[in-house]
Amino acid sequence: MFQSAAASGRAKILLILTDGKIHDASQLSVARALLDGQGVQTFGVVLRRFSTHTQTDIDAEQVLSTIVSEPREDHFMNIPLDDFSKSVLKDFCNPNSKFGKIILAF
């Protein structure tokens, strides 16, 4: 997956986004092992349609949280879709943001 993508000294990052049901959940433990073997920092974001959590959002959070890197609470977000740009994209490499602190620590 990341064999030639990362140059020496660069972090390997995978950002997984979902807006609901994860269809291949049975494959996640295999994927997690492959990612760990390649030193990939995995982040996950559940994008909700509404400000409140639906059962679909809760289910997606439970499944997606099993593949993100440890510590899980630092590699995972469950946010409304409208907040994605300002919560994740804008601050992804900001050293003061939730994800940026981890990414730039490598």
PDB file of N, CA and C in Angstrom:
ATOM      1  N   MET A   1       0.820  -1.191   0.000  1.00  0.00           N
ATOM      2  CA  MET A   1       0.000   0.000   0.000  1.00  0.00           C
ATOM      3  C   MET A   1       0.865   1.256   0.000  1.00  0.00           C
ATOM      4  N   PHE A   2       1.846   1.343   0.894  1.00  0.00           N
ATOM      5  CA  PHE A   2       2.679   2.530   1.017  1.00  0.00           C
ATOM      6  C   PHE A   2       4.135   2.231   0.663  1.00  0.00           C
ATOM      7  N   GLN A   3       4.392   1.192  -0.108  1.00  0.00           N
ATOM      8  CA  GLN A   3       5.758   0.751  -0.374  1.00  0.00           C
ATOM      9  C   GLN A   3       6.659   1.871  -0.885  1.00  0.00           C
ATOM     10  N   SER A   4       6.227   2.605  -1.877  1.00  0.00           N
ATOM     11  CA  SER A   4       7.100   3.636  -2.442  1.00  0.00           C
ATOM     12  C   SER A   4       6.562   5.042  -2.219  1.00  0.00           C
ATOM     13  N   ALA A   5       5.476   5.157  -1.484  1.00  0.00           N
ATOM     14  CA  ALA A   5       4.827   6.456  -1.337  1.00  0.00           C
ATOM     15  C   ALA A   5       5.551   7.382  -0.377  1.00  0.00           C
ATOM     16  N   ALA A   6       6.148   6.853   0.651  1.00  0.00           N
ATOM     17  CA  ALA A   6       6.749   7.720   1.663  1.00  0.00           C
ATOM     18  C   ALA A   6       8.257   7.829   1.460  1.00  0.00           C
ATOM     19  N   ALA A   7       8.713   9.052   1.326  1.00  0.00           N
ATOM     20  CA  ALA A   7      10.146   9.291   1.234  1.00  0.00           C
ATOM     21  C   ALA A   7      10.737   9.174   2.633  1.00  0.00           C
ATOM     22  N   SER A   8      12.020   8.998   2.683  1.00  0.00           N
ATOM     23  CA  SER A   8      12.701   8.875   3.964  1.00  0.00           C
ATOM     24  C   SER A   8      12.386  10.075   4.857  1.00  0.00           C
ATOM     25  N   GLY A   9      12.005   9.771   6.086  1.00  0.00           N
ATOM     26  CA  GLY A   9      11.733  10.836   7.048  1.00  0.00           C
ATOM     27  C   GLY A   9      10.326  11.406   7.011  1.00  0.00           C
ATOM     28  N   ARG A  10       9.492  10.948   6.104  1.00  0.00           N
ATOM     29  CA  ARG A  10       8.114  11.445   6.028  1.00  0.00           C
ATOM     30  C   ARG A  10       7.168  10.474   6.713  1.00  0.00           C
ATOM     31  N   ALA A  11       6.176  11.031   7.380  1.00  0.00           N
ATOM     32  CA  ALA A  11       5.167  10.200   8.041  1.00  0.00           C
ATOM     33  C   ALA A  11       4.250   9.576   7.000  1.00  0.00           C
ATOM     34  N   LYS A  12       3.792   8.372   7.295  1.00  0.00           N
ATOM     35  CA  LYS A  12       2.811   7.694   6.453  1.00  0.00           C
ATOM     36  C   LYS A  12       1.458   7.864   7.138  1.00  0.00           C
ATOM     37  N   ILE A  13       0.544   8.512   6.438  1.00  0.00           N
ATOM     38  CA  ILE A  13      -0.746   8.880   7.019  1.00  0.00           C
ATOM     39  C   ILE A  13      -1.870   8.338   6.155  1.00  0.00           C
ATOM     40  N   LEU A  14      -2.879   7.776   6.812  1.00  0.00           N
ATOM     41  CA  LEU A  14      -4.100   7.347   6.130  1.00  0.00           C
ATOM     42  C   LEU A  14      -5.274   7.992   6.844  1.00  0.00           C
ATOM     43  N   LEU A  15      -6.096   8.719   6.109  1.00  0.00           N
ATOM     44  CA  LEU A  15      -7.296   9.352   6.655  1.00  0.00           C
ATOM     45  C   LEU A  15      -8.506   8.641   6.068  1.00  0.00           C
ATOM     46  N   ILE A  16      -9.281   7.986   6.934  1.00  0.00           N
ATOM     47  CA  ILE A  16     -10.469   7.259   6.501  1.00  0.00           C
ATOM     48  C   ILE A  16     -11.694   8.088   6.860  1.00  0.00           C
ATOM     49  N   LEU A  17     -12.532   8.343   5.868  1.00  0.00           N
ATOM     50  CA  LEU A  17     -13.769   9.090   6.065  1.00  0.00           C
ATOM     51  C   LEU A  17     -14.955   8.185   5.771  1.00  0.00           C
ATOM     52  N   THR A  18     -15.993   8.295   6.583  1.00  0.00           N
ATOM     53  CA  THR A  18     -17.214   7.557   6.297  1.00  0.00           C
ATOM     54  C   THR A  18     -18.407   8.405   6.688  1.00  0.00           C
ATOM     55  N   ASP A  19     -19.485   8.212   5.958  1.00  0.00           N
ATOM     56  CA  ASP A  19     -20.723   8.916   6.282  1.00  0.00           C
ATOM     57  C   ASP A  19     -21.796   7.937   6.732  1.00  0.00           C
ATOM     58  N   GLY A  20     -21.387   6.749   7.127  1.00  0.00           N
ATOM     59  CA  GLY A  20     -22.384   5.782   7.571  1.00  0.00           C
ATOM     60  C   GLY A  20     -21.844   4.378   7.640  1.00  0.00           C
ATOM     61  N   LYS A  21     -22.578   3.455   7.093  1.00  0.00           N
ATOM     62  CA  LYS A  21     -22.258   2.035   7.214  1.00  0.00           C
ATOM     63  C   LYS A  21     -20.931   1.691   6.542  1.00  0.00           C
ATOM     64  N   ILE A  22     -20.139   0.912   7.252  1.00  0.00           N
ATOM     65  CA  ILE A  22     -18.884   0.412   6.717  1.00  0.00           C
ATOM     66  C   ILE A  22     -19.148  -1.016   6.253  1.00  0.00           C
ATOM     67  N   HIS A  23     -19.016  -1.250   4.965  1.00  0.00           N
ATOM     68  CA  HIS A  23     -19.448  -2.509   4.366  1.00  0.00           C
ATOM     69  C   HIS A  23     -18.437  -3.648   4.480  1.00  0.00           C
ATOM     70  N   ASP A  24     -17.185  -3.348   4.700  1.00  0.00           N
ATOM     71  CA  ASP A  24     -16.168  -4.395   4.732  1.00  0.00           C
ATOM     72  C   ASP A  24     -15.536  -4.521   6.120  1.00  0.00           C
ATOM     73  N   ALA A  25     -16.341  -4.413   7.155  1.00  0.00           N
ATOM     74  CA  ALA A  25     -15.845  -4.431   8.532  1.00  0.00           C
ATOM     75  C   ALA A  25     -15.079  -5.708   8.864  1.00  0.00           C
ATOM     76  N   SER A  26     -15.411  -6.804   8.232  1.00  0.00           N
ATOM     77  CA  SER A  26     -14.730  -8.069   8.518  1.00  0.00           C
ATOM     78  C   SER A  26     -13.266  -8.039   8.088  1.00  0.00           C
ATOM     79  N   GLN A  27     -12.888  -7.120   7.246  1.00  0.00           N
ATOM     80  CA  GLN A  27     -11.514  -7.022   6.733  1.00  0.00           C
ATOM     81  C   GLN A  27     -10.630  -6.098   7.584  1.00  0.00           C
ATOM     82  N   LEU A  28     -11.204  -5.442   8.581  1.00  0.00           N
ATOM     83  CA  LEU A  28     -10.468  -4.402   9.298  1.00  0.00           C
ATOM     84  C   LEU A  28      -9.289  -4.917  10.114  1.00  0.00           C
ATOM     85  N   SER A  29      -9.391  -6.079  10.729  1.00  0.00           N
ATOM     86  CA  SER A  29      -8.271  -6.572  11.530  1.00  0.00           C
ATOM     87  C   SER A  29      -7.065  -6.889  10.648  1.00  0.00           C
ATOM     88  N   VAL A  30      -7.319  -7.406   9.469  1.00  0.00           N
ATOM     89  CA  VAL A  30      -6.228  -7.679   8.518  1.00  0.00           C
ATOM     90  C   VAL A  30      -5.607  -6.359   8.054  1.00  0.00           C
ATOM     91  N   ALA A  31      -6.453  -5.394   7.737  1.00  0.00           N
ATOM     92  CA  ALA A  31      -5.964  -4.087   7.296  1.00  0.00           C
ATOM     93  C   ALA A  31      -5.150  -3.406   8.396  1.00  0.00           C
ATOM     94  N   ARG A  32      -5.620  -3.487   9.646  1.00  0.00           N
ATOM     95  CA  ARG A  32      -4.909  -2.865  10.769  1.00  0.00           C
ATOM     96  C   ARG A  32      -3.515  -3.473  10.907  1.00  0.00           C
ATOM     97  N   ALA A  33      -3.407  -4.776  10.778  1.00  0.00           N
ATOM     98  CA  ALA A  33      -2.110  -5.444  10.880  1.00  0.00           C
ATOM     99  C   ALA A  33      -1.164  -4.995   9.757  1.00  0.00           C
ATOM    100  N   LEU A  34      -1.678  -4.873   8.546  1.00  0.00           N
ATOM    101  CA  LEU A  34      -0.854  -4.402   7.423  1.00  0.00           C
ATOM    102  C   LEU A  34      -0.384  -2.970   7.646  1.00  0.00           C
ATOM    103  N   LEU A  35      -1.283  -2.117   8.113  1.00  0.00           N
ATOM    104  CA  LEU A  35      -0.933  -0.716   8.364  1.00  0.00           C
ATOM    105  C   LEU A  35       0.109  -0.597   9.471  1.00  0.00           C
ATOM    106  N   ASP A  36      -0.066  -1.360  10.534  1.00  0.00           N
ATOM    107  CA  ASP A  36       0.917  -1.347  11.621  1.00  0.00           C
ATOM    108  C   ASP A  36       2.278  -1.802  11.128  1.00  0.00           C
ATOM    109  N   GLY A  37       2.290  -2.822  10.294  1.00  0.00           N
ATOM    110  CA  GLY A  37       3.538  -3.345   9.756  1.00  0.00           C
ATOM    111  C   GLY A  37       4.282  -2.340   8.895  1.00  0.00           C
ATOM    112  N   GLN A  38       3.564  -1.410   8.314  1.00  0.00           N
ATOM    113  CA  GLN A  38       4.177  -0.395   7.460  1.00  0.00           C
ATOM    114  C   GLN A  38       4.362   0.935   8.179  1.00  0.00           C
ATOM    115  N   GLY A  39       4.017   0.986   9.475  1.00  0.00           N
ATOM    116  CA  GLY A  39       4.208   2.210  10.252  1.00  0.00           C
ATOM    117  C   GLY A  39       3.272   3.339   9.851  1.00  0.00           C
ATOM    118  N   VAL A  40       2.056   2.999   9.448  1.00  0.00           N
ATOM    119  CA  VAL A  40       1.095   3.996   8.990  1.00  0.00           C
ATOM    120  C   VAL A  40       0.256   4.503  10.156  1.00  0.00           C
ATOM    121  N   GLN A  41       0.213   5.816  10.324  1.00  0.00           N
ATOM    122  CA  GLN A  41      -0.675   6.446  11.300  1.00  0.00           C
ATOM    123  C   GLN A  41      -2.046   6.571  10.646  1.00  0.00           C
ATOM    124  N   THR A  42      -3.057   5.949  11.246  1.00  0.00           N
ATOM    125  CA  THR A  42      -4.391   5.917  10.653  1.00  0.00           C
ATOM    126  C   THR A  42      -5.351   6.759  11.475  1.00  0.00           C
ATOM    127  N   PHE A  43      -6.018   7.684  10.783  1.00  0.00           N
ATOM    128  CA  PHE A  43      -7.006   8.555  11.396  1.00  0.00           C
ATOM    129  C   PHE A  43      -8.366   8.229  10.805  1.00  0.00           C
ATOM    130  N   GLY A  44      -9.407   8.379  11.600  1.00  0.00           N
ATOM    131  CA  GLY A  44     -10.749   8.103  11.124  1.00  0.00           C
ATOM    132  C   GLY A  44     -11.708   9.229  11.483  1.00  0.00           C
ATOM    133  N   VAL A  45     -12.619   9.509  10.556  1.00  0.00           N
ATOM    134  CA  VAL A  45     -13.626  10.543  10.777  1.00  0.00           C
ATOM    135  C   VAL A  45     -14.979  10.024  10.313  1.00  0.00           C
ATOM    136  N   VAL A  46     -15.944  10.025  11.223  1.00  0.00           N
ATOM    137  CA  VAL A  46     -17.332   9.759  10.854  1.00  0.00           C
ATOM    138  C   VAL A  46     -17.965  11.117  10.593  1.00  0.00           C
ATOM    139  N   LEU A  47     -18.510  11.286   9.391  1.00  0.00           N
ATOM    140  CA  LEU A  47     -19.162  12.537   9.012  1.00  0.00           C
ATOM    141  C   LEU A  47     -20.670  12.364   9.162  1.00  0.00           C
ATOM    142  N   ARG A  48     -21.223  13.041  10.160  1.00  0.00           N
ATOM    143  CA  ARG A  48     -22.655  12.943  10.420  1.00  0.00           C
ATOM    144  C   ARG A  48     -23.432  13.923   9.559  1.00  0.00           C
ATOM    145  N   ARG A  49     -24.649  13.531   9.180  1.00  0.00           N
ATOM    146  CA  ARG A  49     -25.532  14.431   8.431  1.00  0.00           C
ATOM    147  C   ARG A  49     -26.197  15.440   9.346  1.00  0.00           C
ATOM    148  N   PHE A  50     -26.338  15.090  10.613  1.00  0.00           N
ATOM    149  CA  PHE A  50     -27.061  15.934  11.560  1.00  0.00           C
ATOM    150  C   PHE A  50     -26.166  16.250  12.758  1.00  0.00           C
ATOM    151  N   SER A  51     -26.567  17.224  13.561  1.00  0.00           N
ATOM    152  CA  SER A  51     -25.775  17.567  14.735  1.00  0.00           C
ATOM    153  C   SER A  51     -25.888  16.497  15.818  1.00  0.00           C
ATOM    154  N   THR A  52     -26.963  15.722  15.794  1.00  0.00           N
ATOM    155  CA  THR A  52     -27.131  14.642  16.762  1.00  0.00           C
ATOM    156  C   THR A  52     -26.641  13.332  16.153  1.00  0.00           C
ATOM    157  N   HIS A  53     -26.309  12.389  17.015  1.00  0.00           N
ATOM    158  CA  HIS A  53     -25.830  11.083  16.566  1.00  0.00           C
ATOM    159  C   HIS A  53     -27.006  10.166  16.267  1.00  0.00           C
ATOM    160  N   THR A  54     -27.027   9.612  15.061  1.00  0.00           N
ATOM    161  CA  THR A  54     -28.019   8.599  14.714  1.00  0.00           C
ATOM    162  C   THR A  54     -27.422   7.227  15.025  1.00  0.00           C
ATOM    163  N   GLN A  55     -28.227   6.203  14.972  1.00  0.00           N
ATOM    164  CA  GLN A  55     -27.711   4.855  15.206  1.00  0.00           C
ATOM    165  C   GLN A  55     -26.676   4.479  14.141  1.00  0.00           C
ATOM    166  N   THR A  56     -26.872   4.936  12.917  1.00  0.00           N
ATOM    167  CA  THR A  56     -25.898   4.687  11.845  1.00  0.00           C
ATOM    168  C   THR A  56     -24.551   5.310  12.194  1.00  0.00           C
ATOM    169  N   ASP A  57     -24.563   6.529  12.743  1.00  0.00           N
ATOM    170  CA  ASP A  57     -23.322   7.202  13.151  1.00  0.00           C
ATOM    171  C   ASP A  57     -22.624   6.436  14.270  1.00  0.00           C
ATOM    172  N   ILE A  58     -23.396   5.994  15.234  1.00  0.00           N
ATOM    173  CA  ILE A  58     -22.845   5.256  16.370  1.00  0.00           C
ATOM    174  C   ILE A  58     -22.235   3.937  15.904  1.00  0.00           C
ATOM    175  N   ASP A  59     -22.938   3.236  15.018  1.00  0.00           N
ATOM    176  CA  ASP A  59     -22.424   1.979  14.467  1.00  0.00           C
ATOM    177  C   ASP A  59     -21.129   2.209  13.690  1.00  0.00           C
ATOM    178  N   ALA A  60     -21.100   3.256  12.871  1.00  0.00           N
ATOM    179  CA  ALA A  60     -19.901   3.564  12.087  1.00  0.00           C
ATOM    180  C   ALA A  60     -18.735   3.912  13.005  1.00  0.00           C
ATOM    181  N   GLU A  61     -19.010   4.637  14.072  1.00  0.00           N
ATOM    182  CA  GLU A  61     -17.965   4.993  15.034  1.00  0.00           C
ATOM    183  C   GLU A  61     -17.375   3.743  15.687  1.00  0.00           C
ATOM    184  N   GLN A  62     -18.226   2.816  16.073  1.00  0.00           N
ATOM    185  CA  GLN A  62     -17.750   1.589  16.714  1.00  0.00           C
ATOM    186  C   GLN A  62     -16.864   0.785  15.771  1.00  0.00           C
ATOM    187  N   VAL A  63     -17.249   0.699  14.511  1.00  0.00           N
ATOM    188  CA  VAL A  63     -16.462  -0.077  13.548  1.00  0.00           C
ATOM    189  C   VAL A  63     -15.176   0.656  13.189  1.00  0.00           C
ATOM    190  N   LEU A  64     -15.269   1.924  12.853  1.00  0.00           N
ATOM    191  CA  LEU A  64     -14.093   2.682  12.416  1.00  0.00           C
ATOM    192  C   LEU A  64     -13.065   2.832  13.533  1.00  0.00           C
ATOM    193  N   SER A  65     -13.505   2.929  14.759  1.00  0.00           N
ATOM    194  CA  SER A  65     -12.562   3.114  15.860  1.00  0.00           C
ATOM    195  C   SER A  65     -11.657   1.902  16.054  1.00  0.00           C
ATOM    196  N   THR A  66     -12.009   0.757  15.471  1.00  0.00           N
ATOM    197  CA  THR A  66     -11.158  -0.427  15.605  1.00  0.00           C
ATOM    198  C   THR A  66      -9.947  -0.403  14.670  1.00  0.00           C
ATOM    199  N   ILE A  67      -9.957   0.461  13.667  1.00  0.00           N
ATOM    200  CA  ILE A  67      -8.834   0.475  12.718  1.00  0.00           C
ATOM    201  C   ILE A  67      -7.922   1.683  12.880  1.00  0.00           C
ATOM    202  N   VAL A  68      -8.346   2.698  13.610  1.00  0.00           N
ATOM    203  CA  VAL A  68      -7.481   3.869  13.775  1.00  0.00           C
ATOM    204  C   VAL A  68      -6.319   3.526  14.699  1.00  0.00           C
ATOM    205  N   SER A  69      -5.265   4.305  14.610  1.00  0.00           N
ATOM    206  CA  SER A  69      -4.073   4.085  15.425  1.00  0.00           C
ATOM    207  C   SER A  69      -4.345   4.402  16.891  1.00  0.00           C
ATOM    208  N   GLU A  70      -3.454   3.920  17.729  1.00  0.00           N
ATOM    209  CA  GLU A  70      -3.515   4.198  19.172  1.00  0.00           C
ATOM    210  C   GLU A  70      -2.757   5.485  19.475  1.00  0.00           C
ATOM    211  N   PRO A  71      -3.170   6.228  20.450  1.00  0.00           N
ATOM    212  CA  PRO A  71      -4.399   6.085  21.226  1.00  0.00           C
ATOM    213  C   PRO A  71      -5.606   6.495  20.383  1.00  0.00           C
ATOM    214  N   ARG A  72      -6.621   5.685  20.417  1.00  0.00           N
ATOM    215  CA  ARG A  72      -7.784   5.859  19.544  1.00  0.00           C
ATOM    216  C   ARG A  72      -8.451   7.226  19.681  1.00  0.00           C
ATOM    217  N   GLU A  73      -8.540   7.738  20.895  1.00  0.00           N
ATOM    218  CA  GLU A  73      -9.222   9.026  21.087  1.00  0.00           C
ATOM    219  C   GLU A  73      -8.497  10.183  20.397  1.00  0.00           C
ATOM    220  N   ASP A  74      -7.206  10.022  20.124  1.00  0.00           N
ATOM    221  CA  ASP A  74      -6.445  11.055  19.422  1.00  0.00           C
ATOM    222  C   ASP A  74      -6.467  10.896  17.909  1.00  0.00           C
ATOM    223  N   HIS A  75      -6.936   9.753  17.424  1.00  0.00           N
ATOM    224  CA  HIS A  75      -6.930   9.455  16.004  1.00  0.00           C
ATOM    225  C   HIS A  75      -8.337   9.352  15.411  1.00  0.00           C
ATOM    226  N   PHE A  76      -9.322   9.810  16.135  1.00  0.00           N
ATOM    227  CA  PHE A  76     -10.697   9.599  15.706  1.00  0.00           C
ATOM    228  C   PHE A  76     -11.565  10.814  16.012  1.00  0.00           C
ATOM    229  N   MET A  77     -12.493  11.126  15.083  1.00  0.00           N
ATOM    230  CA  MET A  77     -13.484  12.180  15.275  1.00  0.00           C
ATOM    231  C   MET A  77     -14.829  11.714  14.745  1.00  0.00           C
ATOM    232  N   ASN A  78     -15.877  12.199  15.346  1.00  0.00           N
ATOM    233  CA  ASN A  78     -17.249  12.002  14.871  1.00  0.00           C
ATOM    234  C   ASN A  78     -17.856  13.385  14.849  1.00  0.00           C
ATOM    235  N   ILE A  79     -17.984  13.965  13.653  1.00  0.00           N
ATOM    236  CA  ILE A  79     -18.380  15.369  13.530  1.00  0.00           C
ATOM    237  C   ILE A  79     -19.467  15.545  12.478  1.00  0.00           C
ATOM    238  N   PRO A  80     -20.237  16.635  12.589  1.00  0.00           N
ATOM    239  CA  PRO A  80     -21.200  16.941  11.526  1.00  0.00           C
ATOM    240  C   PRO A  80     -20.467  17.263  10.222  1.00  0.00           C
ATOM    241  N   LEU A  81     -21.040  16.876   9.114  1.00  0.00           N
ATOM    242  CA  LEU A  81     -20.447  17.102   7.803  1.00  0.00           C
ATOM    243  C   LEU A  81     -20.076  18.572   7.596  1.00  0.00           C
ATOM    244  N   ASP A  82     -20.915  19.464   8.066  1.00  0.00           N
ATOM    245  CA  ASP A  82     -20.655  20.898   7.895  1.00  0.00           C
ATOM    246  C   ASP A  82     -19.394  21.366   8.623  1.00  0.00           C
ATOM    247  N   ASP A  83     -18.921  20.609   9.597  1.00  0.00           N
ATOM    248  CA  ASP A  83     -17.727  20.991  10.357  1.00  0.00           C
ATOM    249  C   ASP A  83     -16.444  20.381   9.799  1.00  0.00           C
ATOM    250  N   PHE A  84     -16.551  19.549   8.785  1.00  0.00           N
ATOM    251  CA  PHE A  84     -15.383  18.839   8.269  1.00  0.00           C
ATOM    252  C   PHE A  84     -14.293  19.784   7.796  1.00  0.00           C
ATOM    253  N   SER A  85     -14.660  20.773   7.013  1.00  0.00           N
ATOM    254  CA  SER A  85     -13.656  21.684   6.464  1.00  0.00           C
ATOM    255  C   SER A  85     -12.892  22.410   7.562  1.00  0.00           C
ATOM    256  N   LYS A  86     -13.599  22.951   8.536  1.00  0.00           N
ATOM    257  CA  LYS A  86     -12.914  23.722   9.578  1.00  0.00           C
ATOM    258  C   LYS A  86     -12.310  22.850  10.675  1.00  0.00           C
ATOM    259  N   SER A  87     -12.835  21.640  10.877  1.00  0.00           N
ATOM    260  CA  SER A  87     -12.338  20.785  11.956  1.00  0.00           C
ATOM    261  C   SER A  87     -11.222  19.854  11.516  1.00  0.00           C
ATOM    262  N   VAL A  88     -11.211  19.442  10.277  1.00  0.00           N
ATOM    263  CA  VAL A  88     -10.222  18.462   9.841  1.00  0.00           C
ATOM    264  C   VAL A  88      -9.329  19.041   8.743  1.00  0.00           C
ATOM    265  N   LEU A  89      -9.885  19.427   7.631  1.00  0.00           N
ATOM    266  CA  LEU A  89      -9.061  19.869   6.503  1.00  0.00           C
ATOM    267  C   LEU A  89      -8.203  21.078   6.831  1.00  0.00           C
ATOM    268  N   LYS A  90      -8.794  22.080   7.426  1.00  0.00           N
ATOM    269  CA  LYS A  90      -8.072  23.312   7.705  1.00  0.00           C
ATOM    270  C   LYS A  90      -6.923  23.097   8.686  1.00  0.00           C
ATOM    271  N   ASP A  91      -7.127  22.236   9.671  1.00  0.00           N
ATOM    272  CA  ASP A  91      -6.152  22.073  10.745  1.00  0.00           C
ATOM    273  C   ASP A  91      -5.370  20.773  10.713  1.00  0.00           C
ATOM    274  N   PHE A  92      -5.472  20.006   9.638  1.00  0.00           N
ATOM    275  CA  PHE A  92      -4.859  18.678   9.625  1.00  0.00           C
ATOM    276  C   PHE A  92      -3.364  18.724   9.944  1.00  0.00           C
ATOM    277  N   CYS A  93      -2.658  19.697   9.431  1.00  0.00           N
ATOM    278  CA  CYS A  93      -1.215  19.803   9.696  1.00  0.00           C
ATOM    279  C   CYS A  93      -0.871  20.950  10.633  1.00  0.00           C
ATOM    280  N   ASN A  94      -1.855  21.483  11.313  1.00  0.00           N
ATOM    281  CA  ASN A  94      -1.631  22.527  12.309  1.00  0.00           C
ATOM    282  C   ASN A  94      -1.087  21.865  13.573  1.00  0.00           C
ATOM    283  N   PRO A  95       0.081  22.263  14.049  1.00  0.00           N
ATOM    284  CA  PRO A  95       0.670  21.596  15.208  1.00  0.00           C
ATOM    285  C   PRO A  95      -0.137  21.756  16.495  1.00  0.00           C
ATOM    286  N   ASN A  96      -1.124  22.628  16.496  1.00  0.00           N
ATOM    287  CA  ASN A  96      -1.955  22.828  17.683  1.00  0.00           C
ATOM    288  C   ASN A  96      -3.299  22.115  17.602  1.00  0.00           C
ATOM    289  N   SER A  97      -3.596  21.478  16.472  1.00  0.00           N
ATOM    290  CA  SER A  97      -4.879  20.788  16.310  1.00  0.00           C
ATOM    291  C   SER A  97      -4.783  19.354  16.804  1.00  0.00           C
ATOM    292  N   LYS A  98      -5.924  18.726  16.972  1.00  0.00           N
ATOM    293  CA  LYS A  98      -5.986  17.354  17.481  1.00  0.00           C
ATOM    294  C   LYS A  98      -5.140  16.404  16.631  1.00  0.00           C
ATOM    295  N   PHE A  99      -5.360  16.363  15.327  1.00  0.00           N
ATOM    296  CA  PHE A  99      -4.614  15.462  14.458  1.00  0.00           C
ATOM    297  C   PHE A  99      -3.208  15.991  14.174  1.00  0.00           C
ATOM    298  N   GLY A 100      -3.074  17.307  14.014  1.00  0.00           N
ATOM    299  CA  GLY A 100      -1.787  17.905  13.681  1.00  0.00           C
ATOM    300  C   GLY A 100      -0.704  17.628  14.702  1.00  0.00           C
ATOM    301  N   LYS A 101      -1.076  17.602  15.981  1.00  0.00           N
ATOM    302  CA  LYS A 101      -0.100  17.319  17.035  1.00  0.00           C
ATOM    303  C   LYS A 101       0.546  15.955  16.829  1.00  0.00           C
ATOM    304  N   ILE A 102      -0.236  14.996  16.396  1.00  0.00           N
ATOM    305  CA  ILE A 102       0.262  13.629  16.204  1.00  0.00           C
ATOM    306  C   ILE A 102       1.073  13.537  14.912  1.00  0.00           C
ATOM    307  N   ILE A 103       0.530  14.082  13.836  1.00  0.00           N
ATOM    308  CA  ILE A 103       1.191  13.991  12.530  1.00  0.00           C
ATOM    309  C   ILE A 103       2.562  14.653  12.564  1.00  0.00           C
ATOM    310  N   LEU A 104       2.635  15.824  13.128  1.00  0.00           N
ATOM    311  CA  LEU A 104       3.886  16.568  13.105  1.00  0.00           C
ATOM    312  C   LEU A 104       4.875  16.093  14.168  1.00  0.00           C
ATOM    313  N   ALA A 105       4.455  15.185  15.023  1.00  0.00           N
ATOM    314  CA  ALA A 105       5.366  14.635  16.028  1.00  0.00           C
ATOM    315  C   ALA A 105       6.309  13.592  15.429  1.00  0.00           C
ATOM    316  N   PHE A 106       6.003  13.102  14.215  1.00  0.00           N
ATOM    317  CA  PHE A 106       6.844  12.079  13.583  1.00  0.00           C
ATOM    318  C   PHE A 106       8.106  12.642  13.039  1.00  0.00           C
TER     319      PHE A 106
END
